[in-house]
N, C-alpha and C. Protein backbone atom coordinates (compact mmCIF):
# COMPACT_ATOMS: atom_id res chain seq x y z
N MET A 1 116.81 -110.49 -238.43
CA MET A 1 116.76 -108.97 -238.72
C MET A 1 117.12 -109.12 -240.40
N THR A 2 116.54 -107.82 -241.33
CA THR A 2 116.37 -107.98 -242.71
C THR A 2 117.94 -107.60 -242.94
N THR A 3 118.42 -108.22 -244.02
CA THR A 3 119.85 -107.06 -244.54
C THR A 3 119.69 -106.70 -245.74
N PRO A 4 120.74 -105.74 -246.05
CA PRO A 4 120.37 -104.78 -247.13
C PRO A 4 120.38 -105.66 -248.62
N ASP A 5 121.14 -106.96 -248.55
CA ASP A 5 121.06 -107.96 -249.65
C ASP A 5 120.36 -108.34 -249.92
N GLU A 6 118.74 -108.99 -248.62
CA GLU A 6 117.72 -109.63 -248.46
C GLU A 6 116.93 -108.55 -249.32
N ILE A 7 116.87 -107.69 -248.91
CA ILE A 7 115.88 -106.48 -249.71
C ILE A 7 116.41 -105.61 -251.09
N ARG A 8 117.39 -105.78 -251.65
CA ARG A 8 118.19 -105.71 -252.62
C ARG A 8 117.67 -106.79 -253.50
N SER A 9 117.03 -107.48 -253.18
CA SER A 9 117.09 -109.01 -254.11
C SER A 9 115.74 -108.84 -254.63
N ALA A 10 115.07 -107.74 -254.05
CA ALA A 10 113.24 -107.29 -254.42
C ALA A 10 113.53 -106.15 -255.01
N LEU A 11 114.53 -105.62 -255.14
CA LEU A 11 114.49 -104.32 -256.06
C LEU A 11 115.18 -104.56 -257.29
N LEU A 12 114.57 -103.47 -258.48
CA LEU A 12 114.79 -103.91 -259.46
C LEU A 12 115.47 -102.47 -259.91
N ALA A 13 116.61 -102.44 -260.37
CA ALA A 13 117.34 -101.26 -261.01
C ALA A 13 116.96 -100.77 -261.95
N VAL A 14 116.32 -99.77 -262.51
CA VAL A 14 116.18 -98.87 -264.20
C VAL A 14 116.71 -97.91 -264.08
N ASP A 15 116.65 -97.29 -265.55
CA ASP A 15 117.09 -96.43 -265.81
C ASP A 15 116.54 -94.88 -265.04
N GLY A 16 117.37 -94.18 -263.99
CA GLY A 16 117.43 -93.37 -263.27
C GLY A 16 116.38 -93.53 -261.77
N GLY A 17 116.23 -94.86 -261.73
CA GLY A 17 115.61 -95.16 -260.38
C GLY A 17 115.68 -96.20 -260.17
N THR A 18 114.78 -96.89 -258.90
CA THR A 18 114.25 -98.61 -258.60
C THR A 18 112.99 -98.37 -258.52
N ILE A 19 112.73 -99.73 -258.70
CA ILE A 19 111.25 -100.10 -258.71
C ILE A 19 111.02 -101.13 -257.42
N PHE A 20 110.21 -101.38 -256.65
CA PHE A 20 109.93 -102.38 -255.85
C PHE A 20 108.68 -102.78 -255.47
N THR A 21 108.14 -103.72 -254.21
CA THR A 21 107.00 -104.08 -253.93
C THR A 21 107.00 -103.85 -252.88
N ILE A 22 105.39 -103.40 -252.68
CA ILE A 22 105.17 -102.95 -251.30
C ILE A 22 103.54 -103.86 -251.02
N GLU A 23 103.80 -103.97 -249.57
CA GLU A 23 102.44 -104.69 -249.35
C GLU A 23 101.82 -103.66 -248.41
N VAL A 24 100.49 -103.15 -248.78
CA VAL A 24 99.93 -102.15 -248.06
C VAL A 24 98.82 -102.89 -246.92
N SER A 25 99.02 -102.38 -246.04
CA SER A 25 97.93 -102.46 -244.93
C SER A 25 97.00 -100.74 -244.33
N THR A 26 96.10 -100.62 -245.24
CA THR A 26 95.38 -99.60 -244.86
C THR A 26 94.67 -99.18 -243.46
N GLY A 27 93.97 -98.05 -243.09
CA GLY A 27 92.97 -98.07 -242.11
C GLY A 27 93.88 -98.07 -240.49
N SER A 28 95.16 -98.32 -240.72
CA SER A 28 95.93 -98.66 -239.61
C SER A 28 96.31 -96.87 -238.43
N ARG A 29 96.38 -97.36 -237.29
CA ARG A 29 96.54 -96.02 -236.10
C ARG A 29 97.76 -95.54 -236.55
N MET A 30 98.37 -95.98 -237.18
CA MET A 30 99.99 -95.03 -237.39
C MET A 30 100.54 -95.36 -238.64
N GLU A 31 101.07 -94.30 -239.44
CA GLU A 31 101.77 -94.51 -240.76
C GLU A 31 103.41 -94.93 -240.43
N ARG A 32 103.75 -95.92 -241.03
CA ARG A 32 104.85 -96.46 -241.01
C ARG A 32 105.38 -96.92 -242.44
N PHE A 33 106.61 -96.53 -242.93
CA PHE A 33 107.33 -97.30 -243.64
C PHE A 33 108.93 -97.14 -243.84
N PRO A 34 109.60 -98.41 -243.71
CA PRO A 34 109.37 -99.82 -243.91
C PRO A 34 108.33 -100.36 -242.74
N THR A 35 107.74 -101.40 -242.73
CA THR A 35 107.37 -101.97 -241.81
C THR A 35 107.81 -103.57 -241.62
N GLY A 36 108.45 -103.23 -242.51
CA GLY A 36 109.22 -105.52 -242.73
C GLY A 36 109.67 -105.55 -243.91
N TYR A 37 109.73 -106.83 -244.11
CA TYR A 37 109.97 -107.26 -245.22
C TYR A 37 109.40 -108.84 -245.65
N ASN A 38 108.42 -108.86 -246.58
CA ASN A 38 108.15 -110.48 -246.82
C ASN A 38 108.99 -110.98 -247.55
N PRO A 39 109.62 -111.86 -247.55
CA PRO A 39 110.58 -112.70 -248.50
C PRO A 39 110.07 -113.08 -249.50
N TRP A 40 108.59 -114.23 -249.16
CA TRP A 40 107.87 -114.98 -250.01
C TRP A 40 107.29 -113.78 -251.19
N ARG A 41 106.79 -113.03 -250.99
CA ARG A 41 106.13 -112.17 -251.88
C ARG A 41 107.40 -111.10 -252.26
N GLN A 42 108.50 -111.16 -251.68
CA GLN A 42 109.35 -110.28 -251.91
C GLN A 42 109.01 -108.77 -251.81
N ALA A 43 108.49 -108.31 -250.60
CA ALA A 43 107.43 -107.14 -250.69
C ALA A 43 107.92 -106.28 -249.60
N ILE A 44 108.15 -105.18 -249.46
CA ILE A 44 108.48 -103.99 -248.35
C ILE A 44 106.97 -103.72 -247.67
N GLY A 45 106.92 -103.84 -246.47
CA GLY A 45 105.38 -103.42 -245.72
C GLY A 45 105.27 -102.06 -245.61
N ILE A 46 104.22 -101.47 -245.79
CA ILE A 46 104.02 -99.98 -245.31
C ILE A 46 102.21 -99.90 -245.14
N GLN A 47 102.82 -99.28 -243.51
CA GLN A 47 100.72 -98.93 -243.39
C GLN A 47 100.76 -97.46 -243.42
N VAL A 48 99.49 -97.00 -243.47
CA VAL A 48 98.59 -95.83 -243.78
C VAL A 48 97.46 -95.53 -243.17
N LYS A 49 96.80 -94.42 -242.77
CA LYS A 49 95.67 -94.51 -242.20
C LYS A 49 94.95 -94.52 -242.93
N ALA A 50 95.30 -93.83 -244.05
CA ALA A 50 94.31 -94.00 -245.05
C ALA A 50 93.43 -95.16 -245.47
N GLN A 51 92.15 -94.87 -245.73
CA GLN A 51 91.72 -96.29 -246.43
C GLN A 51 91.50 -96.31 -247.75
N ALA A 52 91.47 -97.36 -247.91
CA ALA A 52 91.36 -97.46 -249.73
C ALA A 52 90.22 -97.24 -250.43
N VAL A 53 89.89 -95.79 -250.26
CA VAL A 53 88.50 -95.36 -250.82
C VAL A 53 88.98 -94.34 -251.72
N GLU A 54 88.57 -94.28 -252.82
CA GLU A 54 88.39 -92.73 -253.65
C GLU A 54 90.34 -92.45 -254.04
N GLY A 55 91.34 -93.18 -253.90
CA GLY A 55 92.67 -93.49 -254.10
C GLY A 55 93.58 -92.52 -253.19
N LYS A 56 92.38 -92.23 -251.65
CA LYS A 56 92.79 -91.60 -250.61
C LYS A 56 94.35 -92.57 -250.21
N ALA A 57 94.22 -93.61 -250.13
CA ALA A 57 95.18 -94.72 -249.41
C ALA A 57 96.55 -94.40 -250.18
N ASN A 58 96.17 -94.36 -251.68
CA ASN A 58 97.52 -94.44 -252.73
C ASN A 58 98.29 -92.61 -252.31
N LYS A 59 97.37 -92.21 -252.18
CA LYS A 59 98.41 -90.57 -251.92
C LYS A 59 99.05 -90.85 -250.81
N ALA A 60 98.53 -91.38 -249.78
CA ALA A 60 98.90 -91.53 -248.46
C ALA A 60 100.40 -92.32 -248.74
N ILE A 61 100.33 -93.14 -249.42
CA ILE A 61 101.74 -94.01 -249.65
C ILE A 61 102.42 -93.14 -250.45
N ILE A 62 102.06 -92.52 -251.53
CA ILE A 62 103.14 -91.63 -251.90
C ILE A 62 103.88 -90.56 -251.40
N SER A 63 102.98 -89.84 -250.31
CA SER A 63 103.49 -88.78 -249.61
C SER A 63 104.43 -89.66 -248.37
N LEU A 64 104.31 -90.69 -247.85
CA LEU A 64 104.89 -91.33 -246.61
C LEU A 64 106.18 -91.96 -247.37
N ILE A 65 106.03 -92.74 -248.64
CA ILE A 65 107.20 -92.81 -249.30
C ILE A 65 108.39 -91.64 -249.56
N ALA A 66 107.82 -90.67 -250.21
CA ALA A 66 108.67 -89.29 -250.62
C ALA A 66 109.01 -88.91 -249.34
N GLU A 67 108.14 -88.90 -248.14
CA GLU A 67 108.85 -88.26 -246.84
C GLU A 67 110.06 -88.94 -246.69
N THR A 68 109.87 -90.29 -246.34
CA THR A 68 110.49 -91.48 -245.86
C THR A 68 111.67 -91.34 -246.59
N LEU A 69 111.96 -91.66 -247.54
CA LEU A 69 113.11 -91.27 -248.49
C LEU A 69 113.69 -90.13 -248.97
N ALA A 70 112.75 -88.96 -248.61
CA ALA A 70 113.64 -87.37 -248.65
C ALA A 70 113.76 -87.08 -250.24
N VAL A 71 112.97 -87.74 -250.93
CA VAL A 71 112.29 -87.60 -252.15
C VAL A 71 111.40 -86.84 -252.49
N PRO A 72 111.16 -85.83 -253.81
CA PRO A 72 109.89 -85.05 -253.98
C PRO A 72 109.07 -86.12 -254.30
N LYS A 73 107.35 -86.13 -253.81
CA LYS A 73 106.47 -86.69 -254.21
C LYS A 73 106.45 -87.13 -256.04
N SER A 74 107.03 -86.23 -256.59
CA SER A 74 106.96 -86.24 -257.90
C SER A 74 107.81 -87.70 -258.59
N ALA A 75 108.47 -87.79 -257.40
CA ALA A 75 109.62 -89.19 -258.20
C ALA A 75 108.78 -90.54 -257.46
N VAL A 76 108.12 -90.59 -256.61
CA VAL A 76 107.02 -91.65 -256.67
C VAL A 76 106.01 -91.91 -257.58
N GLN A 77 106.04 -93.17 -258.04
CA GLN A 77 104.83 -93.39 -258.73
C GLN A 77 104.45 -94.80 -258.68
N ILE A 78 103.06 -95.17 -258.40
CA ILE A 78 102.50 -96.68 -258.30
C ILE A 78 102.33 -96.93 -259.73
N ILE A 79 103.26 -97.77 -259.83
CA ILE A 79 103.19 -98.42 -261.54
C ILE A 79 102.24 -99.48 -261.62
N SER A 80 101.83 -100.28 -261.02
CA SER A 80 101.12 -101.40 -260.51
C SER A 80 100.01 -101.64 -259.44
N GLY A 81 99.13 -101.99 -259.47
CA GLY A 81 98.42 -102.63 -258.17
C GLY A 81 97.65 -101.43 -258.08
N GLN A 82 97.21 -100.37 -258.52
CA GLN A 82 96.63 -99.07 -258.19
C GLN A 82 95.34 -100.05 -257.10
N THR A 83 94.60 -100.71 -257.48
CA THR A 83 93.48 -101.29 -256.49
C THR A 83 93.91 -102.52 -255.78
N SER A 84 94.96 -103.02 -255.87
CA SER A 84 95.15 -104.01 -254.88
C SER A 84 95.98 -103.48 -253.62
N SER A 85 96.28 -104.52 -252.48
CA SER A 85 97.03 -104.10 -251.16
C SER A 85 98.62 -104.65 -251.94
N ILE A 86 99.01 -105.02 -253.08
CA ILE A 86 100.28 -105.27 -253.46
C ILE A 86 100.33 -104.45 -254.44
N LYS A 87 101.67 -103.51 -254.35
CA LYS A 87 101.75 -102.52 -255.38
C LYS A 87 103.15 -102.79 -256.09
N ARG A 88 103.66 -102.13 -256.94
CA ARG A 88 104.81 -101.88 -257.78
C ARG A 88 105.01 -100.51 -257.73
N ILE A 89 106.18 -100.28 -257.31
CA ILE A 89 106.29 -98.40 -256.86
C ILE A 89 107.59 -98.29 -257.47
N ARG A 90 107.58 -97.10 -258.33
CA ARG A 90 108.93 -96.86 -258.93
C ARG A 90 109.31 -95.58 -258.05
N VAL A 91 110.66 -95.55 -257.88
CA VAL A 91 111.15 -94.40 -257.14
C VAL A 91 112.30 -93.65 -257.71
N ASP A 92 112.44 -92.66 -258.39
CA ASP A 92 113.13 -91.77 -259.52
C ASP A 92 114.04 -91.05 -258.38
N GLY A 93 115.52 -91.29 -259.00
CA GLY A 93 116.42 -90.41 -258.42
C GLY A 93 117.60 -91.32 -257.09
N ILE A 94 117.01 -92.71 -256.99
CA ILE A 94 117.57 -93.24 -255.87
C ILE A 94 118.22 -94.30 -256.45
N THR A 95 119.47 -95.11 -256.32
CA THR A 95 119.63 -96.11 -256.83
C THR A 95 118.95 -97.52 -255.88
N ASP A 96 119.12 -98.81 -256.35
CA ASP A 96 118.51 -99.99 -255.48
C ASP A 96 119.72 -100.16 -254.45
N VAL A 97 120.91 -100.25 -254.77
CA VAL A 97 121.95 -100.03 -253.45
C VAL A 97 121.68 -98.82 -252.19
N THR A 98 121.48 -98.04 -252.73
CA THR A 98 121.16 -97.09 -251.68
C THR A 98 119.79 -97.21 -251.06
N LEU A 99 118.70 -97.51 -252.11
CA LEU A 99 117.46 -97.87 -251.18
C LEU A 99 117.51 -98.98 -250.61
N GLY A 100 118.26 -100.06 -251.04
CA GLY A 100 118.29 -101.38 -250.27
C GLY A 100 119.05 -101.02 -248.91
N GLN A 101 120.25 -100.31 -248.85
CA GLN A 101 120.73 -99.99 -247.50
C GLN A 101 119.67 -99.02 -246.51
N SER A 102 118.64 -97.65 -247.01
CA SER A 102 118.20 -96.99 -246.36
C SER A 102 117.05 -97.92 -245.57
N LEU A 103 116.29 -98.76 -246.11
CA LEU A 103 115.32 -99.48 -246.09
C LEU A 103 115.46 -100.22 -244.89
N ALA A 104 116.89 -101.34 -245.01
CA ALA A 104 117.36 -102.05 -244.06
C ALA A 104 117.85 -101.16 -242.46
N GLU A 105 118.49 -100.13 -242.80
CA GLU A 105 118.58 -99.76 -241.37
C GLU A 105 117.47 -98.75 -240.68
N LEU A 106 116.43 -98.38 -241.68
CA LEU A 106 115.07 -97.81 -241.11
C LEU A 106 114.60 -99.28 -240.41
N MET A 107 114.39 -100.16 -240.92
CA MET A 107 113.92 -101.58 -240.70
C MET A 107 114.60 -102.06 -238.89
N SER A 108 115.61 -101.69 -239.07
CA SER A 108 116.48 -102.14 -237.93
C SER A 108 116.03 -101.04 -237.13
N THR A 109 115.44 -99.95 -237.01
CA THR A 109 115.39 -98.89 -235.72
C THR A 109 113.70 -99.16 -235.23
N PHE A 110 112.84 -100.00 -236.32
CA PHE A 110 111.39 -100.29 -235.89
C PHE A 110 111.51 -101.60 -235.03
N SER A 111 112.52 -102.21 -235.00
CA SER A 111 112.76 -103.71 -234.55
C SER A 111 113.30 -103.71 -233.34
């Protein structure tokens, strides 16, 4: 089981929000966030149904993260990795402590 402290080590507190890394699986049968934590990459897993074509997967990622964290879509931004399966995400309006706790709780419900 992943602990909030393990996840928080992958989170970077910035003014007004938090930055973290995700590891994306596109073309999945179901959409899910978080799917787990990869300590080697310090990345949080995410699955989306959309294919990585014409930005569809990126839009799905933003929507799913916003919905899961109960923040507006405008608060979620892909800051790097637009064409990669490893992306850096910035979420405004949520601290690293709160985000780490929320993600750990969500991961425990999926396992």
